[in-house]
Amino acid sequence: MERVMVGIAIDEIEKAVEQFSPEEQERLEKKLWALRMDPIVNKMRKAARRNKITEKDIEKTCKEVRKELYEKCIARGN
């Protein structure tokens, strides 16, 4: 597929989008959201693969945090 570069200013795009129907605007919004979110989600997935964490690690951390919060609560007299 051959690509063609077109010089369009943002304000021209905004004016064009304002002329879209609400359905077309929603469709465009979903596409733009996906364009923004896909790289972020991919980055998170890549980081998750690098930083493996087990269920046991999660449970241990949760217990530690609960204990710490409980001790703070007791110290304040709650």
N, C-alpha and C. Protein backbone atom coordinates (compact mmCIF):
# COMPACT_ATOMS: atom_id res chain seq x y z
N MET A 1 0.84 -1.18 0.00
CA MET A 1 0.00 0.00 0.00
C MET A 1 0.88 1.24 0.00
N GLU A 2 0.66 2.10 -0.94
CA GLU A 2 1.43 3.32 -1.05
C GLU A 2 0.85 4.38 -0.13
N ARG A 3 1.72 5.12 0.56
CA ARG A 3 1.27 6.17 1.48
C ARG A 3 1.43 7.53 0.83
N VAL A 4 0.50 8.40 1.16
CA VAL A 4 0.55 9.77 0.68
C VAL A 4 0.49 10.69 1.89
N MET A 5 1.41 11.63 1.97
CA MET A 5 1.41 12.58 3.08
C MET A 5 0.58 13.80 2.69
N VAL A 6 -0.30 14.20 3.59
CA VAL A 6 -1.18 15.34 3.34
C VAL A 6 -0.97 16.33 4.47
N GLY A 7 -0.77 17.58 4.12
CA GLY A 7 -0.58 18.62 5.13
C GLY A 7 -1.91 19.26 5.51
N ILE A 8 -2.43 18.86 6.67
CA ILE A 8 -3.69 19.41 7.16
C ILE A 8 -3.45 19.91 8.58
N ALA A 9 -3.87 21.12 8.85
CA ALA A 9 -3.71 21.71 10.19
C ALA A 9 -4.74 21.11 11.14
N ILE A 10 -4.39 21.07 12.41
CA ILE A 10 -5.28 20.52 13.43
C ILE A 10 -6.63 21.24 13.43
N ASP A 11 -6.62 22.56 13.29
CA ASP A 11 -7.90 23.29 13.31
C ASP A 11 -8.78 22.90 12.14
N GLU A 12 -8.19 22.55 11.02
CA GLU A 12 -8.97 22.08 9.87
C GLU A 12 -9.61 20.72 10.18
N ILE A 13 -8.86 19.88 10.86
CA ILE A 13 -9.39 18.56 11.24
C ILE A 13 -10.52 18.74 12.24
N GLU A 14 -10.32 19.64 13.22
CA GLU A 14 -11.37 19.88 14.21
C GLU A 14 -12.66 20.36 13.55
N LYS A 15 -12.53 21.27 12.58
CA LYS A 15 -13.71 21.77 11.88
C LYS A 15 -14.41 20.65 11.11
N ALA A 16 -13.62 19.78 10.51
CA ALA A 16 -14.20 18.65 9.78
C ALA A 16 -14.93 17.71 10.74
N VAL A 17 -14.33 17.43 11.87
CA VAL A 17 -14.93 16.51 12.85
C VAL A 17 -16.23 17.09 13.40
N GLU A 18 -16.28 18.40 13.57
CA GLU A 18 -17.51 19.04 14.05
C GLU A 18 -18.67 18.81 13.08
N GLN A 19 -18.36 18.56 11.84
CA GLN A 19 -19.41 18.33 10.84
C GLN A 19 -19.87 16.87 10.81
N PHE A 20 -19.15 15.99 11.49
CA PHE A 20 -19.54 14.58 11.55
C PHE A 20 -20.81 14.42 12.37
N SER A 21 -21.52 13.36 12.09
CA SER A 21 -22.68 13.00 12.91
C SER A 21 -22.16 12.49 14.26
N PRO A 22 -23.00 12.46 15.28
CA PRO A 22 -22.57 11.93 16.57
C PRO A 22 -22.03 10.49 16.47
N GLU A 23 -22.63 9.70 15.61
CA GLU A 23 -22.17 8.31 15.42
C GLU A 23 -20.77 8.28 14.82
N GLU A 24 -20.53 9.15 13.84
CA GLU A 24 -19.21 9.20 13.21
C GLU A 24 -18.16 9.72 14.20
N GLN A 25 -18.54 10.70 15.01
CA GLN A 25 -17.62 11.23 16.03
C GLN A 25 -17.27 10.14 17.04
N GLU A 26 -18.27 9.34 17.43
CA GLU A 26 -18.01 8.26 18.38
C GLU A 26 -17.09 7.21 17.77
N ARG A 27 -17.32 6.89 16.51
CA ARG A 27 -16.46 5.92 15.81
C ARG A 27 -15.01 6.42 15.76
N LEU A 28 -14.85 7.70 15.43
CA LEU A 28 -13.52 8.30 15.39
C LEU A 28 -12.88 8.30 16.77
N GLU A 29 -13.67 8.63 17.78
CA GLU A 29 -13.15 8.65 19.15
C GLU A 29 -12.63 7.27 19.56
N LYS A 30 -13.36 6.23 19.21
CA LYS A 30 -12.93 4.86 19.55
C LYS A 30 -11.62 4.51 18.85
N LYS A 31 -11.50 4.91 17.60
CA LYS A 31 -10.26 4.63 16.86
C LYS A 31 -9.08 5.39 17.46
N LEU A 32 -9.30 6.65 17.80
CA LEU A 32 -8.23 7.46 18.38
C LEU A 32 -7.84 6.94 19.76
N TRP A 33 -8.85 6.51 20.54
CA TRP A 33 -8.57 5.93 21.86
C TRP A 33 -7.69 4.69 21.71
N ALA A 34 -8.02 3.84 20.75
CA ALA A 34 -7.22 2.64 20.52
C ALA A 34 -5.80 3.00 20.10
N LEU A 35 -5.66 4.01 19.27
CA LEU A 35 -4.32 4.43 18.84
C LEU A 35 -3.48 4.92 20.02
N ARG A 36 -4.13 5.60 20.97
CA ARG A 36 -3.41 6.09 22.14
C ARG A 36 -3.12 4.97 23.13
N MET A 37 -4.08 4.09 23.32
CA MET A 37 -3.96 3.08 24.37
C MET A 37 -3.13 1.87 23.97
N ASP A 38 -3.15 1.47 22.73
CA ASP A 38 -2.42 0.28 22.31
C ASP A 38 -0.94 0.32 22.70
N PRO A 39 -0.22 1.41 22.43
CA PRO A 39 1.19 1.44 22.84
C PRO A 39 1.37 1.35 24.36
N ILE A 40 0.46 1.95 25.11
CA ILE A 40 0.55 1.91 26.57
C ILE A 40 0.31 0.49 27.07
N VAL A 41 -0.72 -0.15 26.54
CA VAL A 41 -1.03 -1.53 26.95
C VAL A 41 0.12 -2.46 26.57
N ASN A 42 0.65 -2.28 25.38
CA ASN A 42 1.78 -3.12 24.95
C ASN A 42 2.98 -2.93 25.86
N LYS A 43 3.23 -1.70 26.27
CA LYS A 43 4.35 -1.42 27.18
C LYS A 43 4.12 -2.10 28.53
N MET A 44 2.88 -2.05 29.02
CA MET A 44 2.56 -2.70 30.29
C MET A 44 2.72 -4.21 30.19
N ARG A 45 2.27 -4.78 29.08
CA ARG A 45 2.40 -6.22 28.89
C ARG A 45 3.87 -6.63 28.84
N LYS A 46 4.67 -5.84 28.15
CA LYS A 46 6.09 -6.13 28.04
C LYS A 46 6.75 -6.07 29.42
N ALA A 47 6.39 -5.06 30.20
CA ALA A 47 6.94 -4.93 31.55
C ALA A 47 6.50 -6.10 32.42
N ALA A 48 5.27 -6.55 32.26
CA ALA A 48 4.76 -7.67 33.05
C ALA A 48 5.52 -8.95 32.71
N ARG A 49 5.85 -9.13 31.46
CA ARG A 49 6.61 -10.32 31.06
C ARG A 49 8.02 -10.28 31.65
N ARG A 50 8.60 -9.09 31.72
CA ARG A 50 9.95 -8.94 32.27
C ARG A 50 9.96 -9.13 33.77
N ASN A 51 8.94 -8.64 34.41
CA ASN A 51 8.89 -8.63 35.87
C ASN A 51 7.84 -9.63 36.36
N LYS A 52 8.16 -10.89 36.20
CA LYS A 52 7.24 -11.94 36.62
C LYS A 52 7.01 -11.85 38.12
N ILE A 53 5.77 -12.01 38.51
CA ILE A 53 5.42 -12.00 39.93
C ILE A 53 4.44 -13.14 40.15
N THR A 54 4.63 -13.85 41.22
CA THR A 54 3.78 -15.00 41.50
C THR A 54 2.62 -14.60 42.40
N GLU A 55 1.63 -15.45 42.44
CA GLU A 55 0.50 -15.24 43.33
C GLU A 55 0.97 -15.20 44.79
N LYS A 56 1.94 -16.03 45.09
CA LYS A 56 2.51 -16.08 46.45
C LYS A 56 3.14 -14.73 46.81
N ASP A 57 3.87 -14.13 45.87
CA ASP A 57 4.48 -12.81 46.09
C ASP A 57 3.41 -11.76 46.37
N ILE A 58 2.33 -11.82 45.62
CA ILE A 58 1.23 -10.85 45.79
C ILE A 58 0.60 -11.02 47.16
N GLU A 59 0.32 -12.26 47.53
CA GLU A 59 -0.29 -12.52 48.84
C GLU A 59 0.61 -12.05 49.97
N LYS A 60 1.91 -12.30 49.85
CA LYS A 60 2.87 -11.88 50.87
C LYS A 60 2.87 -10.37 51.02
N THR A 61 2.89 -9.66 49.91
CA THR A 61 2.88 -8.19 49.94
C THR A 61 1.58 -7.67 50.55
N CYS A 62 0.46 -8.28 50.18
CA CYS A 62 -0.83 -7.86 50.73
C CYS A 62 -0.86 -8.04 52.25
N LYS A 63 -0.37 -9.17 52.72
CA LYS A 63 -0.33 -9.42 54.17
C LYS A 63 0.54 -8.39 54.88
N GLU A 64 1.68 -8.08 54.30
CA GLU A 64 2.57 -7.08 54.89
C GLU A 64 1.91 -5.71 54.97
N VAL A 65 1.23 -5.34 53.90
CA VAL A 65 0.58 -4.03 53.86
C VAL A 65 -0.58 -4.00 54.85
N ARG A 66 -1.38 -5.07 54.89
CA ARG A 66 -2.49 -5.13 55.85
C ARG A 66 -1.98 -5.00 57.29
N LYS A 67 -0.89 -5.70 57.59
CA LYS A 67 -0.31 -5.66 58.93
C LYS A 67 0.14 -4.23 59.26
N GLU A 68 0.81 -3.60 58.31
CA GLU A 68 1.29 -2.23 58.50
C GLU A 68 0.13 -1.27 58.73
N LEU A 69 -0.92 -1.39 57.93
CA LEU A 69 -2.09 -0.52 58.08
C LEU A 69 -2.79 -0.76 59.40
N TYR A 70 -2.88 -2.03 59.80
CA TYR A 70 -3.51 -2.38 61.07
C TYR A 70 -2.74 -1.76 62.23
N GLU A 71 -1.41 -1.88 62.17
CA GLU A 71 -0.58 -1.32 63.24
C GLU A 71 -0.70 0.19 63.32
N LYS A 72 -0.78 0.87 62.17
CA LYS A 72 -0.97 2.32 62.14
C LYS A 72 -2.33 2.69 62.74
N CYS A 73 -3.33 1.90 62.40
CA CYS A 73 -4.69 2.14 62.89
C CYS A 73 -4.73 1.99 64.41
N ILE A 74 -4.09 0.95 64.94
CA ILE A 74 -4.04 0.72 66.38
C ILE A 74 -3.27 1.83 67.07
N ALA A 75 -2.19 2.28 66.46
CA ALA A 75 -1.36 3.34 67.04
C ALA A 75 -2.15 4.65 67.15
N ARG A 76 -3.06 4.89 66.23
CA ARG A 76 -3.88 6.13 66.26
C ARG A 76 -5.07 5.97 67.19
N GLY A 77 -5.32 4.74 67.64
CA GLY A 77 -6.44 4.51 68.56
C GLY A 77 -7.75 4.26 67.84
N ASN A 78 -7.70 3.89 66.57
CA ASN A 78 -8.93 3.60 65.81
C ASN A 78 -9.31 2.14 65.92
